[in-house]
Amino acid sequence: MEQVRTAPVKVLHMGDVFLDCPFSAMTAEQSAARRREARGTFLRTVKYAQEQELDLVLISGNLLDNRYATLETLEMLRAAFSSAPAVRFVICPGSHDPLTPDSIYTLGRLPENVTVVKTEAPSRYDFPEAGFSVTAWAFCDKTYPKAPLADGKAEPLAGCVSLVAGCAAEGAEEGLAPVSINQIGEFGGDYTALSGGSLFDGFHRVAQTTYAHSGALENSCYEEPGFGGANLLTLYPSPTGGAARVECARVDLGCRRYAIEEFDITGIDNPNEVLNRITAVISERGYGKETALRVILTGKTPIGFAVPRTMTNESFGVYVFDLVDRTLPAFDDSRVARDMTVRGEVCRTLIPQMRGGDEEEAQNAARALRIALGALDGRDVTKL
């Protein structure tokens, strides 16, 4: 009878690292800083795996932003993997960094503790001495021809916990390795590790399989709230050879946190009160130099109300402060109708656009109205 490992297997599941991402929307200086931060987060993650004495770091897709890597990044990867010789690394080439003849995975000469998945069809990689097997697939081009889990089943190595991994997403378009919840359950395995642009939305279970998306290791936009991170798993083999018991936790590892806060400022006529409310929330949430904060203002404000333009990263002590003003001016329609001055004509022209258009048109009309009325009042319109 095959002996079953009794010690738990400790795994860190990560993905969507996107090393060498150009951050093209930023200035050259900002993009270079963000690339350094992404590398730093990756190095910190490898160090974490070594310090926690993990058995495996499972990179389920998109370690790189593209199949090429700078010499600096390649040397960084070699040094990082070599610095944790007791940890095994399994890398699944994804849609951004597919396994092509000229990719880093083909030419990179990575250390012996690194296994690169090299087949398009799911294939099993065995690590019996560590008590686990990994059934995984690789993108060999920027598209993947079919659903990776549509056919076949995971055939775990006897006596070992079974991991399934690759770049895929629920509901993805054809050619981008779509998977369904039913396919995950029918394919089997103790834990299925997915990457491919989906946010981490918790750990899920179907049949006897636990599964999760990696999310981004380092978040890069407001659509990815919080810190980036990875999934920490402890798998306890069954003494009878059945499904393993899986304990899961999310580990924050990113250096930047993205957050959105929305304030309805209807009825507020003092800009300092807006400033105080924002300051209070920043203090309450503990936002600091690591936080990129977007503040969205909504509601109806008096015609002469102007949001302070002095609100900056430095004034709030955050990494980025992004103000989105979605407020609309409040009007007394009967007074507007009676006003035969230029002010009244401006209001009668722009108010219907503000009320009748889509959100963008409404905001543009509201902005034009504030500027026009401010100019008529002799105010500095650059501060409106």
Protein backbone atom coordinates (compact mmCIF):
# COMPACT_ATOMS: atom_id res chain seq x y z
CA MET A 1 0.00 0.00 0.00
CA GLU A 2 1.32 3.48 -0.96
CA GLN A 3 2.39 5.47 2.07
CA VAL A 4 0.52 8.75 2.42
CA ARG A 5 2.44 11.83 3.54
CA THR A 6 1.14 13.09 6.85
CA ALA A 7 2.93 16.45 7.02
CA PRO A 8 0.98 19.38 5.54
CA VAL A 9 2.06 20.93 2.25
CA LYS A 10 2.45 24.71 2.39
CA VAL A 11 1.87 26.61 -0.86
CA LEU A 12 1.83 30.26 -1.93
CA HIS A 13 -0.33 30.84 -5.01
CA MET A 14 0.46 34.04 -6.88
CA GLY A 15 0.07 35.43 -10.38
CA ASP A 16 -0.53 38.51 -12.53
CA VAL A 17 2.79 39.97 -11.40
CA PHE A 18 3.40 41.69 -14.76
CA LEU A 19 7.09 42.40 -14.27
CA ASP A 20 8.39 44.96 -16.79
CA CYS A 21 4.93 46.47 -17.25
CA PRO A 22 5.51 49.82 -19.06
CA PHE A 23 2.91 51.80 -17.04
CA SER A 24 2.49 53.83 -20.21
CA ALA A 25 -0.11 56.21 -18.74
CA MET A 26 2.50 57.62 -16.35
CA THR A 27 5.50 59.85 -16.86
CA ALA A 28 8.82 58.13 -17.56
CA GLU A 29 9.95 58.79 -13.99
CA GLN A 30 6.72 57.48 -12.46
CA SER A 31 6.67 54.36 -14.64
CA ALA A 32 10.28 53.56 -13.75
CA ALA A 33 9.42 53.92 -10.06
CA ARG A 34 6.43 51.60 -10.39
CA ARG A 35 8.52 48.97 -12.20
CA ARG A 36 11.04 49.09 -9.34
CA GLU A 37 8.20 48.70 -6.85
CA ALA A 38 6.82 45.68 -8.75
CA ARG A 39 10.24 44.03 -8.64
CA GLY A 40 10.54 44.88 -4.96
CA THR A 41 7.18 43.28 -4.22
CA PHE A 42 8.23 40.12 -6.07
CA LEU A 43 11.52 39.94 -4.15
CA ARG A 44 9.68 40.49 -0.87
CA THR A 45 7.33 37.64 -1.79
CA VAL A 46 10.20 35.23 -2.46
CA LYS A 47 11.76 36.22 0.87
CA TYR A 48 8.41 35.61 2.57
CA ALA A 49 8.23 32.12 1.03
CA GLN A 50 11.72 31.34 2.29
CA GLU A 51 11.09 32.67 5.81
CA GLN A 52 7.79 30.78 6.08
CA GLU A 53 9.53 27.59 4.89
CA LEU A 54 6.97 27.01 2.17
CA ASP A 55 7.12 23.91 0.02
CA LEU A 56 5.94 25.55 -3.19
CA VAL A 57 5.35 28.92 -4.82
CA LEU A 58 2.82 28.34 -7.60
CA ILE A 59 2.82 31.11 -10.22
CA SER A 60 -0.32 30.45 -12.22
CA GLY A 61 0.23 32.94 -15.02
CA ASN A 62 1.64 36.27 -16.15
CA LEU A 63 4.81 36.56 -14.11
CA LEU A 64 5.96 38.93 -16.87
CA ASP A 65 4.05 41.59 -18.77
CA ASN A 66 5.28 40.10 -22.06
CA ARG A 67 7.38 37.18 -23.26
CA TYR A 68 10.52 39.29 -23.37
CA ALA A 69 12.33 40.44 -20.25
CA THR A 70 15.06 42.96 -19.70
CA LEU A 71 18.47 41.60 -18.77
CA GLU A 72 18.03 43.30 -15.40
CA THR A 73 14.77 41.44 -14.76
CA LEU A 74 16.20 38.11 -15.88
CA GLU A 75 19.16 38.46 -13.53
CA MET A 76 16.82 39.53 -10.74
CA LEU A 77 14.68 36.40 -11.26
CA ARG A 78 17.67 34.08 -11.28
CA ALA A 79 19.04 35.63 -8.09
CA ALA A 80 15.63 35.58 -6.37
CA PHE A 81 14.91 31.94 -7.14
CA SER A 82 18.45 30.94 -6.17
CA SER A 83 18.10 32.76 -2.84
CA ALA A 84 15.38 30.31 -1.76
CA PRO A 85 16.82 26.90 -2.76
CA ALA A 86 14.54 24.93 -0.43
CA VAL A 87 11.39 26.38 -2.06
CA ARG A 88 10.11 24.90 -5.31
CA PHE A 89 8.73 27.29 -7.89
CA VAL A 90 6.31 26.18 -10.62
CA ILE A 91 5.61 28.78 -13.33
CA CYS A 92 2.71 28.60 -15.79
CA PRO A 93 3.32 30.84 -18.83
CA GLY A 94 0.22 32.95 -19.35
CA SER A 95 -1.45 35.12 -21.95
CA HIS A 96 1.02 37.98 -21.42
CA ASP A 97 4.18 35.85 -21.20
CA PRO A 98 3.49 32.78 -23.36
CA LEU A 99 6.00 29.99 -23.89
CA THR A 100 7.47 30.82 -27.30
CA PRO A 101 10.87 29.86 -28.77
CA ASP A 102 12.29 33.27 -27.84
CA SER A 103 10.69 33.65 -24.41
CA ILE A 104 12.56 33.94 -21.14
CA TYR A 105 11.21 30.52 -20.17
CA THR A 106 12.93 28.95 -23.15
CA LEU A 107 16.16 30.93 -23.04
CA GLY A 108 16.40 32.06 -19.44
CA ARG A 109 18.32 29.13 -17.87
CA LEU A 110 16.50 29.36 -14.55
CA PRO A 111 17.74 27.57 -11.40
CA GLU A 112 17.03 23.90 -10.67
CA ASN A 113 14.34 24.69 -8.09
CA VAL A 114 12.22 26.28 -10.86
CA THR A 115 9.89 24.21 -13.05
CA VAL A 116 8.36 25.90 -16.09
CA VAL A 117 5.20 24.29 -17.45
CA LYS A 118 5.88 23.52 -21.11
CA THR A 119 2.75 21.90 -22.50
CA GLU A 120 -0.45 23.42 -23.78
CA ALA A 121 -2.52 20.48 -22.63
CA PRO A 122 -2.69 19.99 -18.85
CA SER A 123 0.26 17.83 -17.77
CA ARG A 124 1.28 16.52 -14.38
CA TYR A 125 4.54 17.47 -12.68
CA ASP A 126 5.44 15.28 -9.72
CA PHE A 127 7.27 16.21 -6.53
CA PRO A 128 6.89 13.02 -4.46
CA GLU A 129 9.63 13.96 -2.01
CA ALA A 130 7.61 17.06 -1.08
CA GLY A 131 4.24 15.32 -1.15
CA PHE A 132 2.48 17.06 -4.03
CA SER A 133 1.86 17.01 -7.78
CA VAL A 134 0.89 19.91 -10.05
CA THR A 135 -1.29 19.44 -13.13
CA ALA A 136 -0.84 22.59 -15.19
CA TRP A 137 -0.99 24.10 -18.66
CA ALA A 138 0.87 26.83 -20.52
CA PHE A 139 -0.07 29.45 -23.06
CA CYS A 140 2.20 28.76 -26.04
CA ASP A 141 0.92 31.83 -27.85
CA LYS A 142 -1.10 34.86 -26.82
CA THR A 143 -4.26 32.81 -27.22
CA TYR A 144 -5.25 29.42 -25.88
CA PRO A 145 -7.22 27.29 -28.36
CA LYS A 146 -9.78 25.73 -26.02
CA ALA A 147 -11.02 25.41 -22.45
CA PRO A 148 -8.13 23.79 -20.54
CA LEU A 149 -10.34 21.84 -18.13
CA ALA A 150 -13.01 20.74 -20.61
CA ASP A 151 -11.54 17.28 -21.11
CA GLY A 152 -9.88 14.81 -18.79
CA LYS A 153 -9.38 14.72 -15.06
CA ALA A 154 -6.57 15.40 -12.66
CA GLU A 155 -4.83 12.12 -11.88
CA PRO A 156 -3.07 12.83 -8.59
CA LEU A 157 0.16 11.12 -7.66
CA ALA A 158 -0.59 8.41 -5.13
CA GLY A 159 0.02 9.58 -1.59
CA CYS A 160 0.33 13.26 -2.59
CA VAL A 161 -1.90 16.31 -2.56
CA SER A 162 -3.06 17.42 -6.00
CA LEU A 163 -2.76 20.98 -7.34
CA VAL A 164 -4.15 22.25 -10.66
CA ALA A 165 -2.88 25.52 -12.13
CA GLY A 166 -2.86 27.80 -15.14
CA CYS A 167 -3.85 31.08 -16.70
CA ALA A 168 -7.63 30.98 -17.18
CA ALA A 169 -10.74 32.81 -16.13
CA GLU A 170 -14.39 32.07 -15.57
CA GLY A 171 -16.38 33.41 -18.50
CA ALA A 172 -13.30 34.35 -20.54
CA GLU A 173 -13.70 34.77 -24.28
CA GLU A 174 -12.94 31.87 -26.57
CA GLY A 175 -9.20 31.68 -27.16
CA LEU A 176 -8.36 32.97 -23.68
CA ALA A 177 -8.62 29.67 -21.78
CA PRO A 178 -12.17 29.94 -20.42
CA VAL A 179 -13.15 27.71 -17.51
CA SER A 180 -16.47 27.06 -15.81
CA ILE A 181 -17.20 26.18 -12.22
CA ASN A 182 -18.50 22.77 -13.31
CA GLN A 183 -15.29 22.09 -15.24
CA ILE A 184 -13.21 22.93 -12.17
CA GLY A 185 -15.19 20.48 -10.07
CA GLU A 186 -15.23 17.72 -12.66
CA PHE A 187 -11.51 18.01 -13.42
CA GLY A 188 -10.72 17.53 -9.74
CA GLY A 189 -7.67 18.25 -7.63
CA ASP A 190 -7.46 19.52 -4.08
CA TYR A 191 -6.81 23.13 -5.11
CA THR A 192 -7.11 24.87 -8.50
CA ALA A 193 -4.97 27.99 -8.91
CA LEU A 194 -6.07 30.48 -11.58
CA SER A 195 -4.69 33.77 -12.93
CA GLY A 196 -5.49 35.92 -15.89
CA GLY A 197 -6.70 39.38 -14.97
CA SER A 198 -9.54 38.48 -12.60
CA LEU A 199 -9.58 40.07 -9.18
CA PHE A 200 -9.18 37.90 -6.12
CA ASP A 201 -12.75 37.39 -4.90
CA GLY A 202 -12.26 34.86 -2.15
CA PHE A 203 -11.82 31.11 -1.93
CA HIS A 204 -14.51 28.91 -3.42
CA ARG A 205 -15.37 25.25 -3.39
CA VAL A 206 -17.01 23.00 -5.97
CA ALA A 207 -17.32 19.24 -5.48
CA GLN A 208 -14.14 18.38 -3.55
CA THR A 209 -11.99 21.13 -5.09
CA THR A 210 -11.08 24.48 -3.55
CA TYR A 211 -10.26 27.13 -6.13
CA ALA A 212 -9.30 30.81 -6.31
CA HIS A 213 -7.91 33.50 -8.57
CA SER A 214 -4.54 34.89 -7.63
CA GLY A 215 -5.46 38.53 -8.17
CA ALA A 216 -2.56 40.88 -8.80
CA LEU A 217 0.55 40.63 -6.67
CA GLU A 218 0.93 44.42 -6.90
CA ASN A 219 -2.26 46.34 -7.61
CA SER A 220 -1.97 49.09 -10.21
CA CYS A 221 -5.36 50.80 -10.54
CA TYR A 222 -8.47 51.84 -8.64
CA GLU A 223 -10.39 48.91 -10.10
CA GLU A 224 -8.14 46.70 -7.92
CA PRO A 225 -8.96 47.92 -4.39
CA GLY A 226 -6.69 47.31 -1.42
CA PHE A 227 -3.21 45.86 -1.47
CA GLY A 228 -2.11 43.23 -3.96
CA GLY A 229 -1.16 39.86 -2.58
CA ALA A 230 -1.18 36.09 -2.85
CA ASN A 231 -3.04 33.05 -1.52
CA LEU A 232 -1.46 31.08 1.30
CA LEU A 233 -2.56 27.44 1.43
CA THR A 234 -1.95 24.62 3.83
CA LEU A 235 -3.03 21.24 2.49
CA TYR A 236 -3.39 18.35 4.89
CA PRO A 237 -3.27 14.96 3.16
CA SER A 238 -6.08 12.57 3.99
CA PRO A 239 -4.87 9.52 5.98
CA THR A 240 -7.19 7.40 3.85
CA GLY A 241 -5.93 8.78 0.54
CA GLY A 242 -9.03 10.89 -0.17
CA ALA A 243 -9.31 14.63 -0.71
CA ALA A 244 -6.95 16.81 1.27
CA ARG A 245 -8.20 19.32 3.80
CA VAL A 246 -7.34 22.83 2.58
CA GLU A 247 -6.82 25.88 4.79
CA CYS A 248 -6.69 29.20 2.93
CA ALA A 249 -5.69 32.76 3.76
CA ARG A 250 -5.08 35.92 1.78
CA VAL A 251 -1.70 37.57 2.37
CA ASP A 252 -1.16 41.27 1.58
CA LEU A 253 2.22 41.68 -0.10
CA GLY A 254 1.88 44.73 -2.35
CA CYS A 255 3.43 48.05 -1.46
CA ARG A 256 0.62 50.24 -2.83
CA ARG A 257 -2.99 50.30 -1.70
CA TYR A 258 -5.76 51.63 -3.94
CA ALA A 259 -8.94 52.98 -2.38
CA ILE A 260 -12.09 54.83 -3.43
CA GLU A 261 -14.16 56.91 -1.01
CA GLU A 262 -17.43 58.58 -1.99
CA PHE A 263 -18.97 61.58 -0.23
CA ASP A 264 -22.46 62.98 -0.76
CA ILE A 265 -22.02 66.67 0.08
CA THR A 266 -25.60 67.77 -0.53
CA GLY A 267 -26.42 70.68 1.74
CA ILE A 268 -22.79 71.59 2.50
CA ASP A 269 -21.95 75.17 1.60
CA ASN A 270 -18.57 75.47 3.30
CA PRO A 271 -15.63 73.95 1.40
CA ASN A 272 -13.71 73.49 4.65
CA GLU A 273 -16.38 71.06 5.84
CA VAL A 274 -15.66 68.89 2.78
CA LEU A 275 -11.97 69.06 3.59
CA ASN A 276 -12.63 68.04 7.20
CA ARG A 277 -14.80 65.07 6.20
CA ILE A 278 -12.14 63.75 3.83
CA THR A 279 -9.41 64.22 6.44
CA ALA A 280 -11.46 62.33 9.03
CA VAL A 281 -11.99 59.34 6.74
CA ILE A 282 -8.29 59.24 5.80
CA SER A 283 -7.42 59.11 9.50
CA GLU A 284 -10.12 56.54 10.30
CA ARG A 285 -9.06 54.19 7.48
CA GLY A 286 -5.35 54.60 8.17
CA TYR A 287 -4.52 55.79 4.66
CA GLY A 288 -0.92 56.98 4.36
CA LYS A 289 2.02 57.28 2.00
CA GLU A 290 1.28 53.81 0.61
CA THR A 291 -2.26 54.74 -0.52
CA ALA A 292 -3.54 55.96 -3.87
CA LEU A 293 -6.89 57.49 -2.91
CA ARG A 294 -9.69 58.51 -5.24
CA VAL A 295 -12.35 60.73 -3.66
CA ILE A 296 -15.66 61.02 -5.49
CA LEU A 297 -17.92 63.93 -4.54
CA THR A 298 -21.63 63.60 -5.31
CA GLY A 299 -24.84 65.44 -4.46
CA LYS A 300 -26.19 68.91 -5.13
CA THR A 301 -24.30 72.02 -4.08
CA PRO A 302 -25.08 75.75 -4.05
CA ILE A 303 -24.41 77.56 -7.31
CA GLY A 304 -21.41 79.44 -5.96
CA PHE A 305 -19.86 76.43 -4.24
CA ALA A 306 -16.30 75.62 -5.31
CA VAL A 307 -14.43 72.49 -4.29
CA PRO A 308 -11.04 73.51 -2.87
CA ARG A 309 -8.25 73.01 -5.41
CA THR A 310 -5.67 72.96 -2.63
CA MET A 311 -6.41 69.31 -1.86
CA THR A 312 -3.25 67.43 -2.92
CA ASN A 313 -1.24 64.30 -2.15
CA GLU A 314 0.96 66.30 0.20
CA SER A 315 -1.87 67.99 2.07
CA PHE A 316 -3.46 64.61 2.90
CA GLY A 317 -0.22 62.63 3.30
CA VAL A 318 -1.11 59.99 0.69
CA TYR A 319 0.73 58.60 -2.35
CA VAL A 320 -1.87 59.87 -4.83
CA PHE A 321 -4.98 61.99 -4.22
CA ASP A 322 -7.39 61.89 -7.15
CA LEU A 323 -10.48 64.09 -6.83
CA VAL A 324 -13.53 63.33 -8.99
CA ASP A 325 -16.23 66.00 -8.72
CA ARG A 326 -19.62 64.59 -9.71
CA THR A 327 -21.68 67.18 -7.87
CA LEU A 328 -24.38 69.14 -9.67
CA PRO A 329 -25.43 72.71 -8.93
CA ALA A 330 -28.81 73.09 -7.22
CA PHE A 331 -31.26 75.59 -8.75
CA ASP A 332 -34.59 77.22 -8.02
CA ASP A 333 -36.25 76.72 -11.42
CA SER A 334 -38.80 79.48 -10.87
CA ARG A 335 -36.06 82.03 -10.15
CA VAL A 336 -34.08 80.92 -13.19
CA ALA A 337 -37.17 81.34 -15.38
CA ARG A 338 -37.68 84.91 -14.11
CA ASP A 339 -34.03 85.93 -14.43
CA MET A 340 -33.69 87.91 -17.67
CA THR A 341 -29.99 88.70 -17.15
CA VAL A 342 -27.02 87.00 -18.77
CA ARG A 343 -26.85 84.72 -15.70
CA GLY A 344 -30.39 83.54 -16.35
CA GLU A 345 -29.70 82.90 -20.02
CA VAL A 346 -26.57 80.90 -19.18
CA CYS A 347 -28.57 78.81 -16.72
CA ARG A 348 -31.42 78.22 -19.17
CA THR A 349 -28.91 77.07 -21.79
CA LEU A 350 -26.87 74.69 -19.64
CA ILE A 351 -29.33 73.34 -17.07
CA PRO A 352 -31.25 71.17 -19.61
CA GLN A 353 -27.94 69.63 -20.76
CA MET A 354 -26.96 69.04 -17.14
CA ARG A 355 -30.22 67.28 -16.39
CA GLY A 356 -30.98 65.53 -19.66
CA GLY A 357 -27.67 64.09 -20.85
CA ASP A 358 -25.70 61.06 -19.80
CA GLU A 359 -23.30 61.30 -16.85
CA GLU A 360 -20.41 62.68 -18.87
CA GLU A 361 -22.58 65.29 -20.59
CA ALA A 362 -24.12 66.30 -17.27
CA GLN A 363 -20.72 66.75 -15.67
CA ASN A 364 -19.40 68.76 -18.63
CA ALA A 365 -22.47 71.03 -18.52
CA ALA A 366 -22.16 71.45 -14.74
CA ARG A 367 -18.48 72.35 -15.09
CA ALA A 368 -19.25 74.86 -17.85
CA LEU A 369 -22.00 76.37 -15.72
CA ARG A 370 -19.72 76.83 -12.70
CA ILE A 371 -17.06 78.49 -14.86
CA ALA A 372 -19.55 80.79 -16.61
CA LEU A 373 -21.24 81.92 -13.40
CA GLY A 374 -17.88 82.31 -11.68
CA ALA A 375 -16.63 84.52 -14.51
CA LEU A 376 -19.77 86.65 -14.28
CA ASP A 377 -19.09 87.04 -10.53
CA GLY A 378 -15.51 88.08 -11.24
CA ARG A 379 -13.96 85.02 -9.56
CA ASP A 380 -10.77 83.21 -10.58
CA VAL A 381 -12.24 80.46 -12.76
CA THR A 382 -9.03 78.40 -12.60
CA LYS A 383 -9.98 77.54 -9.01
CA LEU A 384 -13.47 76.30 -9.88
